[in-house]
C-alpha atoms as a PDB file:
ATOM      1  CA  UNK A   1      55.416  51.884 -69.405  1.00  0.00           C
ATOM      2  CA  UNK A   2      53.292  50.431 -66.664  1.00  0.00           C
ATOM      3  CA  UNK A   3      50.040  51.995 -65.520  1.00  0.00           C
ATOM      4  CA  UNK A   4      48.915  51.775 -61.905  1.00  0.00           C
ATOM      5  CA  UNK A   5      45.642  53.155 -60.598  1.00  0.00           C
ATOM      6  CA  UNK A   6      46.137  54.057 -56.945  1.00  0.00           C
ATOM      7  CA  UNK A   7      42.648  53.091 -55.802  1.00  0.00           C
ATOM      8  CA  UNK A   8      42.960  49.660 -57.410  1.00  0.00           C
ATOM      9  CA  UNK A   9      46.160  48.606 -55.617  1.00  0.00           C
ATOM     10  CA  UNK A  10      46.266  46.626 -52.382  1.00  0.00           C
ATOM     11  CA  UNK A  11      48.085  48.227 -49.502  1.00  0.00           C
ATOM     12  CA  UNK A  12      48.005  48.387 -45.729  1.00  0.00           C
ATOM     13  CA  UNK A  13      47.268  51.597 -43.885  1.00  0.00           C
ATOM     14  CA  UNK A  14      46.495  55.140 -44.879  1.00  0.00           C
ATOM     15  CA  UNK A  15      45.243  55.876 -48.441  1.00  0.00           C
ATOM     16  CA  UNK A  16      46.792  59.364 -48.441  1.00  0.00           C
ATOM     17  CA  UNK A  17      50.263  58.059 -47.573  1.00  0.00           C
ATOM     18  CA  UNK A  18      49.863  55.368 -50.218  1.00  0.00           C
ATOM     19  CA  UNK A  19      48.812  58.008 -52.777  1.00  0.00           C
ATOM     20  CA  UNK A  20      51.856  60.108 -51.905  1.00  0.00           C
ATOM     21  CA  UNK A  21      54.143  57.089 -52.239  1.00  0.00           C
ATOM     22  CA  UNK A  22      52.680  56.185 -55.635  1.00  0.00           C
ATOM     23  CA  UNK A  23      53.053  59.748 -56.899  1.00  0.00           C
ATOM     24  CA  UNK A  24      56.602  59.935 -55.544  1.00  0.00           C
ATOM     25  CA  UNK A  25      57.665  56.805 -57.447  1.00  0.00           C
ATOM     26  CA  UNK A  26      55.776  57.700 -60.644  1.00  0.00           C
ATOM     27  CA  UNK A  27      57.620  59.089 -63.643  1.00  0.00           C
ATOM     28  CA  UNK A  28      54.389  60.548 -65.068  1.00  0.00           C
ATOM     29  CA  UNK A  29      51.019  61.207 -63.400  1.00  0.00           C
ATOM     30  CA  UNK A  30      47.665  61.084 -65.201  1.00  0.00           C
ATOM     31  CA  UNK A  31      44.779  62.831 -63.421  1.00  0.00           C
ATOM     32  CA  UNK A  32      41.159  62.219 -64.409  1.00  0.00           C
ATOM     33  CA  UNK A  33      39.556  65.632 -63.956  1.00  0.00           C
ATOM     34  CA  UNK A  34      36.024  64.660 -65.042  1.00  0.00           C
ATOM     35  CA  UNK A  35      33.678  65.231 -62.129  1.00  0.00           C
ATOM     36  CA  UNK A  36      35.780  67.910 -60.403  1.00  0.00           C
ATOM     37  CA  UNK A  37      36.770  65.561 -57.568  1.00  0.00           C
ATOM     38  CA  UNK A  38      38.525  67.549 -54.804  1.00  0.00           C
ATOM     39  CA  UNK A  39      40.717  64.539 -53.964  1.00  0.00           C
ATOM     40  CA  UNK A  40      41.997  64.454 -57.546  1.00  0.00           C
ATOM     41  CA  UNK A  41      42.752  68.182 -57.406  1.00  0.00           C
ATOM     42  CA  UNK A  42      44.662  67.665 -54.156  1.00  0.00           C
ATOM     43  CA  UNK A  43      46.677  64.742 -55.520  1.00  0.00           C
ATOM     44  CA  UNK A  44      47.352  66.616 -58.770  1.00  0.00           C
ATOM     45  CA  UNK A  45      48.642  69.557 -56.740  1.00  0.00           C
ATOM     46  CA  UNK A  46      50.918  67.195 -54.836  1.00  0.00           C
ATOM     47  CA  UNK A  47      52.224  65.788 -58.135  1.00  0.00           C
ATOM     48  CA  UNK A  48      52.894  69.327 -59.364  1.00  0.00           C
ATOM     49  CA  UNK A  49      54.702  70.187 -56.127  1.00  0.00           C
ATOM     50  CA  UNK A  50      56.872  67.093 -56.643  1.00  0.00           C
ATOM     51  CA  UNK A  51      57.542  68.339 -60.215  1.00  0.00           C
ATOM     52  CA  UNK A  52      56.036  65.254 -61.824  1.00  0.00           C
ATOM     53  CA  UNK A  53      55.034  65.519 -65.472  1.00  0.00           C
ATOM     54  CA  UNK A  54      51.251  65.477 -65.315  1.00  0.00           C
ATOM     55  CA  UNK A  55      48.594  64.830 -67.942  1.00  0.00           C
ATOM     56  CA  UNK A  56      45.051  65.898 -67.189  1.00  0.00           C
ATOM     57  CA  UNK A  57      42.274  63.956 -68.883  1.00  0.00           C
ATOM     58  CA  UNK A  58      38.677  65.101 -68.977  1.00  0.00           C
ATOM     59  CA  UNK A  59      35.450  64.551 -70.824  1.00  0.00           C
ATOM     60  CA  UNK A  60      34.728  68.297 -70.796  1.00  0.00           C
ATOM     61  CA  UNK A  61      37.599  70.720 -71.361  1.00  0.00           C
ATOM     62  CA  UNK A  62      35.784  73.697 -69.857  1.00  0.00           C
ATOM     63  CA  UNK A  63      35.577  71.808 -66.546  1.00  0.00           C
ATOM     64  CA  UNK A  64      39.350  71.978 -66.017  1.00  0.00           C
ATOM     65  CA  UNK A  65      39.913  74.790 -63.501  1.00  0.00           C
ATOM     66  CA  UNK A  66      41.405  77.935 -65.010  1.00  0.00           C
ATOM     67  CA  UNK A  67      44.764  77.644 -63.252  1.00  0.00           C
ATOM     68  CA  UNK A  68      45.268  74.113 -64.659  1.00  0.00           C
ATOM     69  CA  UNK A  69      44.617  74.982 -68.314  1.00  0.00           C
ATOM     70  CA  UNK A  70      48.331  75.552 -68.894  1.00  0.00           C
ATOM     71  CA  UNK A  71      49.093  71.899 -68.208  1.00  0.00           C
ATOM     72  CA  UNK A  72      48.896  69.140 -70.801  1.00  0.00           C
ATOM     73  CA  UNK A  73      45.405  67.804 -71.061  1.00  0.00           C
ATOM     74  CA  UNK A  74      43.566  65.352 -73.243  1.00  0.00           C
ATOM     75  CA  UNK A  75      39.836  65.654 -73.828  1.00  0.00           C
ATOM     76  CA  UNK A  76      37.844  62.557 -74.671  1.00  0.00           C
ATOM     77  CA  UNK A  77      34.341  61.227 -75.077  1.00  0.00           C
ATOM     78  CA  UNK A  78      33.328  58.322 -72.857  1.00  0.00           C
ATOM     79  CA  UNK A  79      32.219  56.280 -75.879  1.00  0.00           C
ATOM     80  CA  UNK A  80      35.545  56.877 -77.721  1.00  0.00           C
ATOM     81  CA  UNK A  81      38.019  55.256 -75.337  1.00  0.00           C
ATOM     82  CA  UNK A  82      40.161  53.879 -78.173  1.00  0.00           C
ATOM     83  CA  UNK A  83      40.744  57.456 -79.307  1.00  0.00           C
ATOM     84  CA  UNK A  84      41.655  58.394 -75.728  1.00  0.00           C
ATOM     85  CA  UNK A  85      44.133  55.524 -75.667  1.00  0.00           C
ATOM     86  CA  UNK A  86      45.763  56.679 -78.888  1.00  0.00           C
ATOM     87  CA  UNK A  87      45.965  60.312 -77.771  1.00  0.00           C
ATOM     88  CA  UNK A  88      47.353  59.337 -74.369  1.00  0.00           C
ATOM     89  CA  UNK A  89      49.904  57.082 -76.031  1.00  0.00           C
ATOM     90  CA  UNK A  90      51.097  59.977 -78.186  1.00  0.00           C
ATOM     91  CA  UNK A  91      51.208  62.365 -75.217  1.00  0.00           C
ATOM     92  CA  UNK A  92      53.035  59.900 -72.976  1.00  0.00           C
ATOM     93  CA  UNK A  93      55.501  59.136 -75.757  1.00  0.00           C
ATOM     94  CA  UNK A  94      56.270  62.845 -76.092  1.00  0.00           C
ATOM     95  CA  UNK A  95      56.772  63.201 -72.344  1.00  0.00           C
ATOM     96  CA  UNK A  96      58.990  60.116 -72.288  1.00  0.00           C
ATOM     97  CA  UNK A  97      61.160  61.617 -75.044  1.00  0.00           C
ATOM     98  CA  UNK A  98      61.417  64.871 -73.089  1.00  0.00           C
ATOM     99  CA  UNK A  99      62.428  62.978 -69.948  1.00  0.00           C
ATOM    100  CA  UNK A 100      65.038  60.956 -71.835  1.00  0.00           C
ATOM    101  CA  UNK A 101      66.535  64.072 -73.407  1.00  0.00           C
ATOM    102  CA  UNK A 102      66.870  65.981 -70.119  1.00  0.00           C
ATOM    103  CA  UNK A 103      70.307  66.219 -68.615  1.00  0.00           C
ATOM    104  CA  UNK A 104      70.775  64.283 -65.352  1.00  0.00           C
ATOM    105  CA  UNK A 105      70.195  66.362 -62.239  1.00  0.00           C
END
């Protein structure tokens, strides 16, 4: 798997179109919910509308909005990033297996 952070890529033009394009080509989307950033909520909603498997990560579970609690999420502590890495690896591996076992559309 390859990880790409949208705001760290170089691109010409509109950030929103670039975000859409990145989400459209992604197999899995990870959304950092810490801080309740409206842009992240918007992009996560777009990923959901595009039926992308999405993993929400947050430092505080009770900060995930109620209607997003049903989605996979990983809680972590900022000073335990190795643990976050391990938990994300497990979660992404499970999603990958699910994607591989799905019948072609």
